[in-house]
């Protein structure tokens, strides 16, 4: 696999590069960048299927939009180098993302919770509007209220 890489990085060092790349993405990419990466398509050797391309649309945006060169891209685990191959980077990114991407079930559960909250808020607003309309039929809501205390 990496036999052509005489100065092969340890698995821990490769993982460190992936963690650095993920931290960079956390800072510079949309919050949902992990969900944008399709693990079945992920190929770090591809300018259209690598992590950067799947998040930003093209690997070239790393250089043009963020002014990150080849060496820095390698330190962030986005490209190969003399010490780590695209094969190992792809495997390491897939492993990392499999651990950190929210599973579909938990995302759907969270969406259901948020929808239920919105439904409750909408129902409350509807009740408030209905009460206001009922009161408006009985009295002038904009008129000042006089309270007589004896």
Foldseek 3Di string as FASTA:
>chain_A
DCPQQPQADDLVQLLQLQVLLVVVCCVPFPVQLLVQQDLVQDFLVDQCRHSCCSGPVGPCCCCVVVVDDDVNCVSNLSADDSHDHSVSSSVSNSVVSVVPPDDPVVVVVVVVVVVVVVVVVVVVVVVVVVVVVVVVVVDPPPDDDDDDDD
